Amino acid sequence: MPVVAVDTGCAERVRPGGAALAAYLAARDGRDVTLITGLGDDPAAASCASSSNPG
């Protein structure tokens, strides 16, 4: 039976998606953007908030 080989040297890349991606791209192009969303108080929420800041 074949076995799937996985390279363990992979790196995680956190990037915004959906509405966050649209807001990020608009802000990166110099447009004024306000993105309203709910975030928790955990490492995943902090990662989401920091990845949505184009500056």
PDB file of N, CA and C in Angstrom:
ATOM      1  N   MET A   1       0.835  -1.168   0.000  1.00  0.00           N
ATOM      2  CA  MET A   1       0.000   0.000   0.000  1.00  0.00           C
ATOM      3  C   MET A   1       0.893   1.248   0.000  1.00  0.00           C
ATOM      4  N   PRO A   2       0.611   2.260  -0.846  1.00  0.00           N
ATOM      5  CA  PRO A   2       1.406   3.485  -0.883  1.00  0.00           C
ATOM      6  C   PRO A   2       1.274   4.272   0.426  1.00  0.00           C
ATOM      7  N   VAL A   3       2.321   4.998   0.748  1.00  0.00           N
ATOM      8  CA  VAL A   3       2.340   5.817   1.954  1.00  0.00           C
ATOM      9  C   VAL A   3       2.580   7.264   1.551  1.00  0.00           C
ATOM     10  N   VAL A   4       1.850   8.172   2.154  1.00  0.00           N
ATOM     11  CA  VAL A   4       2.021   9.596   1.874  1.00  0.00           C
ATOM     12  C   VAL A   4       3.231  10.100   2.661  1.00  0.00           C
ATOM     13  N   ALA A   5       4.155  10.745   1.956  1.00  0.00           N
ATOM     14  CA  ALA A   5       5.321  11.328   2.619  1.00  0.00           C
ATOM     15  C   ALA A   5       5.063  12.812   2.851  1.00  0.00           C
ATOM     16  N   VAL A   6       5.346  13.280   4.047  1.00  0.00           N
ATOM     17  CA  VAL A   6       5.119  14.673   4.406  1.00  0.00           C
ATOM     18  C   VAL A   6       6.447  15.304   4.801  1.00  0.00           C
ATOM     19  N   ASP A   7       6.754  16.435   4.204  1.00  0.00           N
ATOM     20  CA  ASP A   7       7.970  17.177   4.557  1.00  0.00           C
ATOM     21  C   ASP A   7       7.693  17.945   5.839  1.00  0.00           C
ATOM     22  N   THR A   8       8.384  17.622   6.912  1.00  0.00           N
ATOM     23  CA  THR A   8       8.135  18.285   8.201  1.00  0.00           C
ATOM     24  C   THR A   8       8.819  19.644   8.287  1.00  0.00           C
ATOM     25  N   GLY A   9       9.520  20.066   7.232  1.00  0.00           N
ATOM     26  CA  GLY A   9      10.165  21.360   7.222  1.00  0.00           C
ATOM     27  C   GLY A   9       9.250  22.468   6.732  1.00  0.00           C
ATOM     28  N   CYS A  10       7.955  22.206   6.686  1.00  0.00           N
ATOM     29  CA  CYS A  10       6.991  23.202   6.212  1.00  0.00           C
ATOM     30  C   CYS A  10       6.821  24.318   7.242  1.00  0.00           C
ATOM     31  N   ALA A  11       6.470  25.481   6.750  1.00  0.00           N
ATOM     32  CA  ALA A  11       6.207  26.621   7.621  1.00  0.00           C
ATOM     33  C   ALA A  11       4.758  27.043   7.473  1.00  0.00           C
ATOM     34  N   GLU A  12       4.185  27.506   8.561  1.00  0.00           N
ATOM     35  CA  GLU A  12       2.815  27.995   8.536  1.00  0.00           C
ATOM     36  C   GLU A  12       2.818  29.444   8.054  1.00  0.00           C
ATOM     37  N   ARG A  13       1.916  29.753   7.136  1.00  0.00           N
ATOM     38  CA  ARG A  13       1.758  31.127   6.645  1.00  0.00           C
ATOM     39  C   ARG A  13       0.348  31.576   6.974  1.00  0.00           C
ATOM     40  N   VAL A  14       0.228  32.547   7.851  1.00  0.00           N
ATOM     41  CA  VAL A  14      -1.079  33.061   8.249  1.00  0.00           C
ATOM     42  C   VAL A  14      -1.403  34.256   7.370  1.00  0.00           C
ATOM     43  N   ARG A  15      -2.527  34.177   6.673  1.00  0.00           N
ATOM     44  CA  ARG A  15      -2.953  35.250   5.776  1.00  0.00           C
ATOM     45  C   ARG A  15      -4.440  35.475   5.936  1.00  0.00           C
ATOM     46  N   PRO A  16      -4.886  36.718   5.749  1.00  0.00           N
ATOM     47  CA  PRO A  16      -6.325  36.977   5.840  1.00  0.00           C
ATOM     48  C   PRO A  16      -7.068  36.370   4.650  1.00  0.00           C
ATOM     49  N   GLY A  17      -8.316  36.072   4.849  1.00  0.00           N
ATOM     50  CA  GLY A  17      -9.151  35.552   3.770  1.00  0.00           C
ATOM     51  C   GLY A  17     -10.518  36.222   3.810  1.00  0.00           C
ATOM     52  N   GLY A  18     -11.298  36.042   2.791  1.00  0.00           N
ATOM     53  CA  GLY A  18     -12.653  36.591   2.746  1.00  0.00           C
ATOM     54  C   GLY A  18     -12.673  38.095   2.840  1.00  0.00           C
ATOM     55  N   ALA A  19     -13.536  38.621   3.721  1.00  0.00           N
ATOM     56  CA  ALA A  19     -13.666  40.066   3.889  1.00  0.00           C
ATOM     57  C   ALA A  19     -12.376  40.681   4.408  1.00  0.00           C
ATOM     58  N   ALA A  20     -11.650  39.952   5.250  1.00  0.00           N
ATOM     59  CA  ALA A  20     -10.376  40.471   5.768  1.00  0.00           C
ATOM     60  C   ALA A  20      -9.367  40.659   4.644  1.00  0.00           C
ATOM     61  N   LEU A  21      -9.368  39.763   3.685  1.00  0.00           N
ATOM     62  CA  LEU A  21      -8.457  39.893   2.538  1.00  0.00           C
ATOM     63  C   LEU A  21      -8.828  41.110   1.694  1.00  0.00           C
ATOM     64  N   ALA A  22     -10.119  41.301   1.449  1.00  0.00           N
ATOM     65  CA  ALA A  22     -10.565  42.468   0.673  1.00  0.00           C
ATOM     66  C   ALA A  22     -10.178  43.763   1.383  1.00  0.00           C
ATOM     67  N   ALA A  23     -10.371  43.818   2.697  1.00  0.00           N
ATOM     68  CA  ALA A  23     -10.007  45.009   3.469  1.00  0.00           C
ATOM     69  C   ALA A  23      -8.504  45.230   3.451  1.00  0.00           C
ATOM     70  N   TYR A  24      -7.742  44.158   3.596  1.00  0.00           N
ATOM     71  CA  TYR A  24      -6.281  44.242   3.586  1.00  0.00           C
ATOM     72  C   TYR A  24      -5.776  44.814   2.252  1.00  0.00           C
ATOM     73  N   LEU A  25      -6.289  44.287   1.150  1.00  0.00           N
ATOM     74  CA  LEU A  25      -5.847  44.737  -0.171  1.00  0.00           C
ATOM     75  C   LEU A  25      -6.220  46.199  -0.420  1.00  0.00           C
ATOM     76  N   ALA A  26      -7.417  46.587   0.005  1.00  0.00           N
ATOM     77  CA  ALA A  26      -7.833  47.981  -0.164  1.00  0.00           C
ATOM     78  C   ALA A  26      -6.953  48.911   0.671  1.00  0.00           C
ATOM     79  N   ALA A  27      -6.674  48.527   1.918  1.00  0.00           N
ATOM     80  CA  ALA A  27      -5.827  49.349   2.787  1.00  0.00           C
ATOM     81  C   ALA A  27      -4.403  49.422   2.252  1.00  0.00           C
ATOM     82  N   ARG A  28      -3.920  48.326   1.721  1.00  0.00           N
ATOM     83  CA  ARG A  28      -2.569  48.297   1.156  1.00  0.00           C
ATOM     84  C   ARG A  28      -2.446  49.255  -0.024  1.00  0.00           C
ATOM     85  N   ASP A  29      -3.554  49.460  -0.726  1.00  0.00           N
ATOM     86  CA  ASP A  29      -3.564  50.382  -1.866  1.00  0.00           C
ATOM     87  C   ASP A  29      -3.836  51.823  -1.446  1.00  0.00           C
ATOM     88  N   GLY A  30      -3.900  52.089  -0.132  1.00  0.00           N
ATOM     89  CA  GLY A  30      -4.046  53.444   0.359  1.00  0.00           C
ATOM     90  C   GLY A  30      -5.469  53.900   0.631  1.00  0.00           C
ATOM     91  N   ARG A  31      -6.428  52.998   0.505  1.00  0.00           N
ATOM     92  CA  ARG A  31      -7.814  53.376   0.775  1.00  0.00           C
ATOM     93  C   ARG A  31      -8.089  53.338   2.279  1.00  0.00           C
ATOM     94  N   ASP A  32      -9.003  54.174   2.739  1.00  0.00           N
ATOM     95  CA  ASP A  32      -9.445  54.131   4.133  1.00  0.00           C
ATOM     96  C   ASP A  32     -10.378  52.935   4.293  1.00  0.00           C
ATOM     97  N   VAL A  33     -10.087  52.089   5.269  1.00  0.00           N
ATOM     98  CA  VAL A  33     -10.859  50.863   5.465  1.00  0.00           C
ATOM     99  C   VAL A  33     -11.212  50.712   6.933  1.00  0.00           C
ATOM    100  N   THR A  34     -12.440  50.304   7.193  1.00  0.00           N
ATOM    101  CA  THR A  34     -12.860  49.920   8.533  1.00  0.00           C
ATOM    102  C   THR A  34     -13.434  48.518   8.446  1.00  0.00           C
ATOM    103  N   LEU A  35     -12.809  47.588   9.124  1.00  0.00           N
ATOM    104  CA  LEU A  35     -13.281  46.199   9.151  1.00  0.00           C
ATOM    105  C   LEU A  35     -13.802  45.920  10.552  1.00  0.00           C
ATOM    106  N   ILE A  36     -15.068  45.541  10.643  1.00  0.00           N
ATOM    107  CA  ILE A  36     -15.682  45.255  11.939  1.00  0.00           C
ATOM    108  C   ILE A  36     -15.906  43.750  12.034  1.00  0.00           C
ATOM    109  N   THR A  37     -15.372  43.157  13.082  1.00  0.00           N
ATOM    110  CA  THR A  37     -15.523  41.719  13.297  1.00  0.00           C
ATOM    111  C   THR A  37     -15.364  41.407  14.769  1.00  0.00           C
ATOM    112  N   GLY A  38     -15.805  40.251  15.155  1.00  0.00           N
ATOM    113  CA  GLY A  38     -15.615  39.788  16.526  1.00  0.00           C
ATOM    114  C   GLY A  38     -14.379  38.904  16.593  1.00  0.00           C
ATOM    115  N   LEU A  39     -13.549  39.134  17.605  1.00  0.00           N
ATOM    116  CA  LEU A  39     -12.365  38.308  17.822  1.00  0.00           C
ATOM    117  C   LEU A  39     -12.346  37.838  19.265  1.00  0.00           C
ATOM    118  N   GLY A  40     -11.837  36.654  19.473  1.00  0.00           N
ATOM    119  CA  GLY A  40     -11.699  36.129  20.825  1.00  0.00           C
ATOM    120  C   GLY A  40     -10.457  36.689  21.510  1.00  0.00           C
ATOM    121  N   ASP A  41     -10.172  36.180  22.676  1.00  0.00           N
ATOM    122  CA  ASP A  41      -9.003  36.592  23.450  1.00  0.00           C
ATOM    123  C   ASP A  41      -8.049  35.400  23.544  1.00  0.00           C
ATOM    124  N   ASP A  42      -7.524  34.989  22.405  1.00  0.00           N
ATOM    125  CA  ASP A  42      -6.639  33.839  22.357  1.00  0.00           C
ATOM    126  C   ASP A  42      -5.571  34.046  21.292  1.00  0.00           C
ATOM    127  N   PRO A  43      -4.579  33.172  21.212  1.00  0.00           N
ATOM    128  CA  PRO A  43      -3.505  33.344  20.224  1.00  0.00           C
ATOM    129  C   PRO A  43      -3.992  33.373  18.772  1.00  0.00           C
ATOM    130  N   ALA A  44      -5.032  32.613  18.449  1.00  0.00           N
ATOM    131  CA  ALA A  44      -5.553  32.604  17.078  1.00  0.00           C
ATOM    132  C   ALA A  44      -6.152  33.966  16.723  1.00  0.00           C
ATOM    133  N   ALA A  45      -6.846  34.589  17.666  1.00  0.00           N
ATOM    134  CA  ALA A  45      -7.427  35.915  17.424  1.00  0.00           C
ATOM    135  C   ALA A  45      -6.338  36.963  17.261  1.00  0.00           C
ATOM    136  N   ALA A  46      -5.292  36.872  18.073  1.00  0.00           N
ATOM    137  CA  ALA A  46      -4.175  37.813  17.958  1.00  0.00           C
ATOM    138  C   ALA A  46      -3.491  37.664  16.609  1.00  0.00           C
ATOM    139  N   SER A  47      -3.335  36.432  16.145  1.00  0.00           N
ATOM    140  CA  SER A  47      -2.733  36.176  14.836  1.00  0.00           C
ATOM    141  C   SER A  47      -3.602  36.746  13.724  1.00  0.00           C
ATOM    142  N   CYS A  48      -4.903  36.586  13.856  1.00  0.00           N
ATOM    143  CA  CYS A  48      -5.841  37.126  12.852  1.00  0.00           C
ATOM    144  C   CYS A  48      -5.756  38.640  12.808  1.00  0.00           C
ATOM    145  N   ALA A  49      -5.744  39.271  13.962  1.00  0.00           N
ATOM    146  CA  ALA A  49      -5.680  40.732  14.011  1.00  0.00           C
ATOM    147  C   ALA A  49      -4.384  41.260  13.430  1.00  0.00           C
ATOM    148  N   SER A  50      -3.275  40.625  13.727  1.00  0.00           N
ATOM    149  CA  SER A  50      -1.977  41.117  13.227  1.00  0.00           C
ATOM    150  C   SER A  50      -1.822  40.849  11.744  1.00  0.00           C
ATOM    151  N   SER A  51      -2.418  39.771  11.224  1.00  0.00           N
ATOM    152  CA  SER A  51      -2.269  39.467   9.800  1.00  0.00           C
ATOM    153  C   SER A  51      -3.136  40.369   8.938  1.00  0.00           C
ATOM    154  N   SER A  52      -4.099  41.066   9.549  1.00  0.00           N
ATOM    155  CA  SER A  52      -4.978  41.952   8.804  1.00  0.00           C
ATOM    156  C   SER A  52      -4.452  43.385   8.741  1.00  0.00           C
ATOM    157  N   ASN A  53      -3.297  43.637   9.304  1.00  0.00           N
ATOM    158  CA  ASN A  53      -2.720  44.986   9.318  1.00  0.00           C
ATOM    159  C   ASN A  53      -1.685  45.109   8.228  1.00  0.00           C
ATOM    160  N   PRO A  54      -1.975  45.866   7.154  1.00  0.00           N
ATOM    161  CA  PRO A  54      -1.029  45.958   6.034  1.00  0.00           C
ATOM    162  C   PRO A  54       0.223  46.767   6.360  1.00  0.00           C
ATOM    163  N   GLY A  55       0.220  47.511   7.466  1.00  0.00           N
ATOM    164  CA  GLY A  55       1.357  48.356   7.816  1.00  0.00           C
ATOM    165  C   GLY A  55       2.315  47.625   8.634  1.00  0.00           C
TER     166      GLY A  55
END
